[in-house]
Amino acid sequence: MLDITKDIQSLTTFRRRSGAFMKQLKKSKRPVVLTVKGKAAAVVQDAEAYQRLLDIAASADAEEGIRQGLENAKEGKLRPAREFFGEFEAAHGISR
């Protein structure tokens, strides 16, 4: 969860106190929103926390793909694998 008293800072403040911000990022695992002229301009995040975010996004994408596939199967939106691969091979100039 974002703490607006600590996690939204100006880019100028970040530049002046980058060492302290790096310690905060590592300790809190929360991103910091950097502002320019009062508007959000960038988000800085600890590398470990960012990797965790990437892993969650990848997992969500896989789960959504599986969910869609199961939904298509329930609705009868299927075709034989031989038909698909035949079209795919023809479209990409692949011969057996």
N, C-alpha and C. Protein backbone atom coordinates (compact mmCIF):
# COMPACT_ATOMS: atom_id res chain seq x y z
N MET A 1 0.84 -1.17 0.00
CA MET A 1 0.00 0.00 0.00
C MET A 1 0.89 1.25 0.00
N LEU A 2 0.50 2.22 -0.75
CA LEU A 2 1.24 3.47 -0.87
C LEU A 2 0.99 4.36 0.34
N ASP A 3 2.07 4.89 0.93
CA ASP A 3 1.97 5.84 2.04
C ASP A 3 2.30 7.22 1.48
N ILE A 4 1.27 8.05 1.28
CA ILE A 4 1.48 9.32 0.59
C ILE A 4 2.41 10.27 1.33
N THR A 5 2.61 10.05 2.63
CA THR A 5 3.52 10.93 3.37
C THR A 5 4.98 10.57 3.14
N LYS A 6 5.25 9.34 2.70
CA LYS A 6 6.63 8.89 2.48
C LYS A 6 6.91 8.46 1.04
N ASP A 7 5.88 8.03 0.33
CA ASP A 7 6.10 7.38 -0.96
C ASP A 7 5.86 8.26 -2.17
N ILE A 8 5.59 9.54 -1.95
CA ILE A 8 5.48 10.49 -3.06
C ILE A 8 6.45 11.62 -2.76
N GLN A 9 7.45 11.77 -3.59
CA GLN A 9 8.51 12.74 -3.36
C GLN A 9 8.88 13.43 -4.67
N SER A 10 9.44 14.62 -4.55
CA SER A 10 9.88 15.32 -5.76
C SER A 10 11.18 14.69 -6.27
N LEU A 11 11.38 14.79 -7.55
CA LEU A 11 12.60 14.28 -8.17
C LEU A 11 13.82 14.99 -7.58
N THR A 12 13.69 16.27 -7.29
CA THR A 12 14.80 17.03 -6.70
C THR A 12 15.19 16.46 -5.35
N THR A 13 14.20 16.15 -4.51
CA THR A 13 14.47 15.55 -3.20
C THR A 13 15.13 14.19 -3.37
N PHE A 14 14.65 13.43 -4.32
CA PHE A 14 15.24 12.10 -4.58
C PHE A 14 16.70 12.23 -4.98
N ARG A 15 17.01 13.20 -5.84
CA ARG A 15 18.40 13.41 -6.28
C ARG A 15 19.29 13.76 -5.09
N ARG A 16 18.80 14.65 -4.23
CA ARG A 16 19.60 15.11 -3.09
C ARG A 16 19.82 14.02 -2.04
N ARG A 17 18.84 13.15 -1.89
CA ARG A 17 18.89 12.15 -0.82
C ARG A 17 18.77 10.73 -1.36
N SER A 18 19.40 10.46 -2.50
CA SER A 18 19.23 9.16 -3.15
C SER A 18 19.67 8.00 -2.26
N GLY A 19 20.72 8.17 -1.48
CA GLY A 19 21.17 7.09 -0.59
C GLY A 19 20.11 6.72 0.42
N ALA A 20 19.50 7.71 1.03
CA ALA A 20 18.44 7.46 2.01
C ALA A 20 17.24 6.80 1.34
N PHE A 21 16.92 7.23 0.12
CA PHE A 21 15.80 6.63 -0.60
C PHE A 21 16.08 5.17 -0.91
N MET A 22 17.32 4.86 -1.29
CA MET A 22 17.66 3.46 -1.60
C MET A 22 17.48 2.59 -0.36
N LYS A 23 17.88 3.09 0.80
CA LYS A 23 17.68 2.33 2.04
C LYS A 23 16.19 2.13 2.31
N GLN A 24 15.40 3.20 2.10
CA GLN A 24 13.94 3.12 2.32
C GLN A 24 13.32 2.09 1.37
N LEU A 25 13.72 2.11 0.10
CA LEU A 25 13.17 1.18 -0.88
C LEU A 25 13.47 -0.26 -0.48
N LYS A 26 14.71 -0.50 -0.08
CA LYS A 26 15.11 -1.86 0.29
C LYS A 26 14.36 -2.34 1.54
N LYS A 27 14.18 -1.43 2.50
CA LYS A 27 13.52 -1.80 3.76
C LYS A 27 12.01 -1.97 3.58
N SER A 28 11.36 -1.02 2.93
CA SER A 28 9.90 -1.03 2.86
C SER A 28 9.34 -1.90 1.74
N LYS A 29 10.13 -2.10 0.67
CA LYS A 29 9.69 -2.84 -0.53
C LYS A 29 8.53 -2.14 -1.23
N ARG A 30 8.27 -0.87 -0.87
CA ARG A 30 7.21 -0.09 -1.51
C ARG A 30 7.84 0.84 -2.55
N PRO A 31 7.16 1.06 -3.64
CA PRO A 31 7.68 1.99 -4.65
C PRO A 31 7.55 3.43 -4.17
N VAL A 32 8.35 4.31 -4.77
CA VAL A 32 8.26 5.74 -4.49
C VAL A 32 7.89 6.42 -5.80
N VAL A 33 6.85 7.25 -5.75
CA VAL A 33 6.43 8.03 -6.91
C VAL A 33 7.20 9.34 -6.88
N LEU A 34 7.90 9.62 -7.97
CA LEU A 34 8.66 10.86 -8.08
C LEU A 34 7.87 11.86 -8.91
N THR A 35 7.83 13.09 -8.43
CA THR A 35 7.05 14.12 -9.10
C THR A 35 7.96 15.19 -9.70
N VAL A 36 7.47 15.79 -10.76
CA VAL A 36 8.10 16.95 -11.38
C VAL A 36 7.00 18.00 -11.52
N LYS A 37 7.23 19.15 -10.92
CA LYS A 37 6.24 20.23 -10.91
C LYS A 37 4.89 19.75 -10.37
N GLY A 38 4.95 18.90 -9.34
CA GLY A 38 3.74 18.45 -8.67
C GLY A 38 2.98 17.31 -9.33
N LYS A 39 3.49 16.82 -10.46
CA LYS A 39 2.80 15.73 -11.17
C LYS A 39 3.68 14.48 -11.18
N ALA A 40 3.05 13.34 -11.05
CA ALA A 40 3.78 12.07 -11.08
C ALA A 40 4.55 11.94 -12.39
N ALA A 41 5.84 11.62 -12.28
CA ALA A 41 6.68 11.53 -13.47
C ALA A 41 7.36 10.17 -13.60
N ALA A 42 7.63 9.52 -12.46
CA ALA A 42 8.33 8.23 -12.51
C ALA A 42 8.05 7.47 -11.21
N VAL A 43 8.29 6.17 -11.28
CA VAL A 43 8.18 5.32 -10.09
C VAL A 43 9.50 4.60 -9.93
N VAL A 44 10.05 4.64 -8.71
CA VAL A 44 11.30 3.97 -8.40
C VAL A 44 10.97 2.84 -7.43
N GLN A 45 11.58 1.67 -7.70
CA GLN A 45 11.24 0.50 -6.88
C GLN A 45 12.47 -0.35 -6.66
N ASP A 46 12.54 -0.99 -5.52
CA ASP A 46 13.59 -1.94 -5.20
C ASP A 46 13.58 -3.08 -6.22
N ALA A 47 14.74 -3.55 -6.63
CA ALA A 47 14.84 -4.58 -7.68
C ALA A 47 14.11 -5.87 -7.28
N GLU A 48 14.24 -6.27 -6.02
CA GLU A 48 13.57 -7.50 -5.56
C GLU A 48 12.04 -7.36 -5.65
N ALA A 49 11.52 -6.22 -5.22
CA ALA A 49 10.09 -5.97 -5.27
C ALA A 49 9.61 -5.92 -6.72
N TYR A 50 10.42 -5.35 -7.60
CA TYR A 50 10.06 -5.28 -9.01
C TYR A 50 10.01 -6.68 -9.62
N GLN A 51 10.98 -7.53 -9.28
CA GLN A 51 10.99 -8.90 -9.79
C GLN A 51 9.76 -9.64 -9.32
N ARG A 52 9.37 -9.43 -8.06
CA ARG A 52 8.17 -10.07 -7.52
C ARG A 52 6.94 -9.62 -8.31
N LEU A 53 6.88 -8.33 -8.65
CA LEU A 53 5.78 -7.80 -9.45
C LEU A 53 5.75 -8.46 -10.84
N LEU A 54 6.92 -8.61 -11.46
CA LEU A 54 6.99 -9.27 -12.77
C LEU A 54 6.51 -10.72 -12.68
N ASP A 55 6.91 -11.41 -11.62
CA ASP A 55 6.50 -12.80 -11.43
C ASP A 55 4.98 -12.91 -11.27
N ILE A 56 4.40 -12.00 -10.51
CA ILE A 56 2.94 -12.00 -10.32
C ILE A 56 2.23 -11.74 -11.64
N ALA A 57 2.74 -10.79 -12.42
CA ALA A 57 2.12 -10.47 -13.71
C ALA A 57 2.21 -11.66 -14.67
N ALA A 58 3.36 -12.33 -14.69
CA ALA A 58 3.52 -13.50 -15.57
C ALA A 58 2.57 -14.61 -15.17
N SER A 59 2.43 -14.83 -13.88
CA SER A 59 1.52 -15.86 -13.38
C SER A 59 0.08 -15.51 -13.74
N ALA A 60 -0.29 -14.26 -13.59
CA ALA A 60 -1.64 -13.84 -13.92
C ALA A 60 -1.93 -14.02 -15.41
N ASP A 61 -0.93 -13.72 -16.26
CA ASP A 61 -1.11 -13.91 -17.70
C ASP A 61 -1.34 -15.39 -18.02
N ALA A 62 -0.56 -16.26 -17.40
CA ALA A 62 -0.71 -17.70 -17.65
C ALA A 62 -2.08 -18.18 -17.18
N GLU A 63 -2.47 -17.75 -16.00
CA GLU A 63 -3.78 -18.16 -15.47
C GLU A 63 -4.91 -17.66 -16.36
N GLU A 64 -4.79 -16.45 -16.87
CA GLU A 64 -5.83 -15.90 -17.75
C GLU A 64 -5.88 -16.70 -19.05
N GLY A 65 -4.73 -17.07 -19.60
CA GLY A 65 -4.71 -17.88 -20.81
C GLY A 65 -5.37 -19.23 -20.61
N ILE A 66 -5.11 -19.84 -19.49
CA ILE A 66 -5.73 -21.13 -19.17
C ILE A 66 -7.24 -20.96 -19.00
N ARG A 67 -7.65 -19.90 -18.29
CA ARG A 67 -9.08 -19.64 -18.09
C ARG A 67 -9.80 -19.46 -19.42
N GLN A 68 -9.19 -18.69 -20.33
CA GLN A 68 -9.80 -18.47 -21.64
C GLN A 68 -9.88 -19.77 -22.43
N GLY A 69 -8.83 -20.59 -22.36
CA GLY A 69 -8.85 -21.87 -23.06
C GLY A 69 -9.94 -22.78 -22.55
N LEU A 70 -10.12 -22.83 -21.24
CA LEU A 70 -11.17 -23.66 -20.67
C LEU A 70 -12.55 -23.14 -21.05
N GLU A 71 -12.69 -21.82 -21.06
CA GLU A 71 -13.97 -21.22 -21.47
C GLU A 71 -14.28 -21.56 -22.93
N ASN A 72 -13.28 -21.45 -23.80
CA ASN A 72 -13.48 -21.80 -25.21
C ASN A 72 -13.87 -23.27 -25.35
N ALA A 73 -13.25 -24.14 -24.57
CA ALA A 73 -13.58 -25.56 -24.64
C ALA A 73 -15.03 -25.81 -24.22
N LYS A 74 -15.47 -25.14 -23.16
CA LYS A 74 -16.85 -25.28 -22.71
C LYS A 74 -17.84 -24.82 -23.77
N GLU A 75 -17.45 -23.78 -24.53
CA GLU A 75 -18.33 -23.23 -25.56
C GLU A 75 -18.19 -23.96 -26.89
N GLY A 76 -17.34 -24.98 -26.92
CA GLY A 76 -17.17 -25.76 -28.15
C GLY A 76 -16.34 -25.06 -29.21
N LYS A 77 -15.59 -24.05 -28.83
CA LYS A 77 -14.74 -23.32 -29.79
C LYS A 77 -13.39 -24.02 -29.89
N LEU A 78 -13.43 -25.19 -30.46
CA LEU A 78 -12.23 -26.01 -30.59
C LEU A 78 -12.04 -26.42 -32.05
N ARG A 79 -10.82 -26.83 -32.37
CA ARG A 79 -10.57 -27.44 -33.66
C ARG A 79 -9.42 -28.42 -33.49
N PRO A 80 -9.35 -29.41 -34.33
CA PRO A 80 -8.30 -30.43 -34.18
C PRO A 80 -6.90 -29.82 -34.31
N ALA A 81 -5.98 -30.33 -33.52
CA ALA A 81 -4.60 -29.84 -33.54
C ALA A 81 -3.98 -30.04 -34.93
N ARG A 82 -4.29 -31.14 -35.59
CA ARG A 82 -3.74 -31.38 -36.93
C ARG A 82 -4.13 -30.25 -37.89
N GLU A 83 -5.38 -29.79 -37.79
CA GLU A 83 -5.86 -28.70 -38.64
C GLU A 83 -5.08 -27.41 -38.35
N PHE A 84 -4.92 -27.10 -37.06
CA PHE A 84 -4.18 -25.89 -36.69
C PHE A 84 -2.75 -25.95 -37.19
N PHE A 85 -2.05 -27.06 -36.91
CA PHE A 85 -0.65 -27.16 -37.29
C PHE A 85 -0.48 -27.18 -38.80
N GLY A 86 -1.43 -27.76 -39.52
CA GLY A 86 -1.38 -27.72 -40.98
C GLY A 86 -1.44 -26.29 -41.49
N GLU A 87 -2.36 -25.50 -40.94
CA GLU A 87 -2.46 -24.08 -41.33
C GLU A 87 -1.22 -23.30 -40.92
N PHE A 88 -0.72 -23.58 -39.72
CA PHE A 88 0.45 -22.88 -39.24
C PHE A 88 1.68 -23.16 -40.09
N GLU A 89 1.87 -24.43 -40.43
CA GLU A 89 3.01 -24.81 -41.26
C GLU A 89 2.90 -24.19 -42.65
N ALA A 90 1.71 -24.18 -43.22
CA ALA A 90 1.50 -23.57 -44.54
C ALA A 90 1.77 -22.06 -44.50
N ALA A 91 1.29 -21.41 -43.45
CA ALA A 91 1.46 -19.96 -43.34
C ALA A 91 2.93 -19.57 -43.16
N HIS A 92 3.73 -20.44 -42.57
CA HIS A 92 5.12 -20.12 -42.29
C HIS A 92 6.11 -20.88 -43.17
N GLY A 93 5.59 -21.52 -44.19
CA GLY A 93 6.47 -22.21 -45.14
C GLY A 93 7.24 -23.37 -44.54
N ILE A 94 6.62 -24.06 -43.60
CA ILE A 94 7.27 -25.20 -42.95
C ILE A 94 6.75 -26.46 -43.61
N SER A 95 7.70 -27.32 -44.04
CA SER A 95 7.28 -28.60 -44.63
C SER A 95 7.78 -29.73 -43.75
N ARG A 96 7.08 -30.82 -43.82
CA ARG A 96 7.47 -31.98 -43.00
C ARG A 96 8.42 -32.87 -43.72
